[in-house]
Protein backbone atom coordinates (compact mmCIF):
# COMPACT_ATOMS: atom_id res chain seq x y z
CA MET A 1 100.64 60.58 35.37
CA SER A 2 101.38 63.65 36.80
CA ALA A 3 98.55 65.60 39.48
CA VAL A 4 98.94 69.25 40.58
CA ALA A 5 96.78 70.93 43.20
CA ILE A 6 96.92 74.44 43.08
CA GLY A 7 95.97 76.97 45.49
CA SER A 8 96.39 79.92 48.45
CA SER A 9 94.52 78.77 50.74
CA PRO A 10 96.33 76.10 53.76
CA THR A 11 93.45 73.75 52.60
CA ILE A 12 95.17 72.89 49.60
CA ASP A 13 98.14 71.35 51.44
CA SER A 14 96.13 68.49 52.31
CA MET A 15 96.24 67.34 48.75
CA MET A 16 99.66 65.95 49.59
CA LEU A 17 98.14 62.99 51.18
CA LEU A 18 96.43 62.07 48.07
CA GLY A 19 99.71 62.22 46.04
CA PHE A 20 99.51 65.66 44.71
CA LYS A 21 102.31 68.24 43.81
CA VAL A 22 101.05 71.17 45.71
CA MET A 23 101.65 74.50 43.98
CA LYS A 24 101.20 77.44 46.93
CA VAL A 25 100.58 81.01 45.52
CA PRO A 26 99.68 84.00 46.93
CA GLU A 27 96.12 85.16 46.73
CA LYS A 28 96.99 88.22 43.53
CA LEU A 29 99.29 86.52 40.99
CA GLY A 30 101.92 88.39 39.27
CA GLU A 31 102.78 88.11 35.71
CA THR A 32 105.30 85.57 36.39
CA LEU A 33 103.43 83.62 38.62
CA GLN A 34 100.67 83.12 36.38
CA GLU A 35 103.23 81.87 33.72
CA GLU A 36 104.31 79.33 36.39
CA VAL A 37 100.94 78.36 37.55
CA LEU A 38 99.86 78.12 33.37
CA SER A 39 103.04 75.77 32.94
CA ALA A 40 102.01 73.64 35.55
CA VAL A 41 98.88 72.95 34.58
CA LEU A 42 100.19 72.17 30.99
CA GLU A 43 102.56 69.66 32.04
CA SER A 44 100.26 67.80 34.40
CA LYS A 45 97.47 65.44 33.64
CA VAL A 46 95.16 66.34 36.51
CA VAL A 47 94.81 69.65 38.06
CA VAL A 48 92.94 70.70 41.03
CA ILE A 49 92.51 74.66 40.89
CA GLU A 50 91.13 77.04 43.82
CA GLU A 51 88.89 78.93 42.08
CA PRO A 52 90.10 82.15 42.98
CA VAL A 53 93.30 81.53 41.27
CA TYR A 54 91.41 79.89 38.49
CA ALA A 55 89.32 83.39 38.06
CA GLN A 56 92.90 85.17 37.47
CA VAL A 57 94.61 82.87 34.65
CA SER A 58 91.16 81.48 33.03
CA ASP A 59 91.32 83.42 29.78
CA ARG A 60 94.54 82.76 29.24
CA LEU A 61 94.39 79.11 30.01
CA SER A 62 90.76 78.49 27.90
CA LYS A 63 93.43 80.07 25.18
CA LEU A 64 96.10 77.96 25.67
CA LEU A 65 94.18 74.61 26.03
CA SER A 66 92.05 74.77 22.82
CA TYR A 67 95.91 74.13 21.13
CA VAL A 68 96.56 71.32 23.54
CA LYS A 69 95.70 67.74 21.68
CA GLU A 70 95.31 66.29 24.95
CA PRO A 71 94.64 68.79 27.74
CA PRO A 72 94.31 67.70 31.27
CA LEU A 73 91.47 67.32 33.86
CA LEU A 74 90.83 70.46 35.45
CA VAL A 75 88.83 70.81 38.42
CA VAL A 76 87.91 73.69 39.88
CA VAL A 77 87.32 73.53 44.00
CA PRO A 78 86.09 76.60 45.69
CA SER A 79 88.78 77.90 48.68
CA HIS A 80 88.06 77.93 52.09
CA GLU A 81 87.08 81.67 52.04
CA GLN A 82 84.52 81.13 49.00
CA PRO A 83 82.02 78.45 49.48
CA SER A 84 80.96 78.23 45.76
CA THR A 85 82.53 78.61 42.20
CA HIS A 86 81.36 80.30 39.15
CA ARG A 87 82.28 77.31 37.33
CA LEU A 88 78.68 76.52 36.56
CA GLU A 89 77.72 80.05 35.25
CA GLU A 90 80.80 79.89 32.90
CA LEU A 91 79.31 76.23 31.34
CA TYR A 92 76.10 77.67 31.36
CA GLN A 93 77.33 80.33 28.91
CA LYS A 94 79.26 78.00 26.97
CA LEU A 95 76.47 75.63 26.68
CA SER A 96 73.94 78.48 25.27
CA TYR A 97 76.34 79.88 23.06
CA ALA A 98 77.07 76.48 21.75
CA VAL A 99 73.34 75.75 21.31
CA GLY A 100 72.52 79.44 19.62
CA VAL A 101 69.91 80.24 22.40
CA ARG A 102 69.75 81.35 26.08
CA LEU A 103 68.75 78.53 27.71
CA LYS A 104 66.48 79.09 31.17
CA TRP A 105 68.14 78.24 33.91
CA VAL A 106 67.02 78.32 37.62
CA LYS A 107 69.95 79.36 39.92
CA ARG A 108 69.27 78.00 43.48
CA GLU A 109 71.06 79.69 46.48
């Protein structure tokens, strides 16, 4: 099983101790780096990706993953500079869309 950790902060290096292949990228991804990140995600079974990197590739990634028979486990983690992710809000929007009504949600800060 292949596992990859993708991020721009130095804290992502610690994932090597757990056996992850670490892919360090700059905070702003160019077109070629986005392609490399997408390729690494599709070739892996488990992906730990920092939220700023995920935010840059999420649209293209969701389109690609809809065609994959066995998509990888995708874990979005906050970066060192940003203590939380927007993944919960994204899941809330998808659930509301799937149900067909806007669900009630109390956002706790």
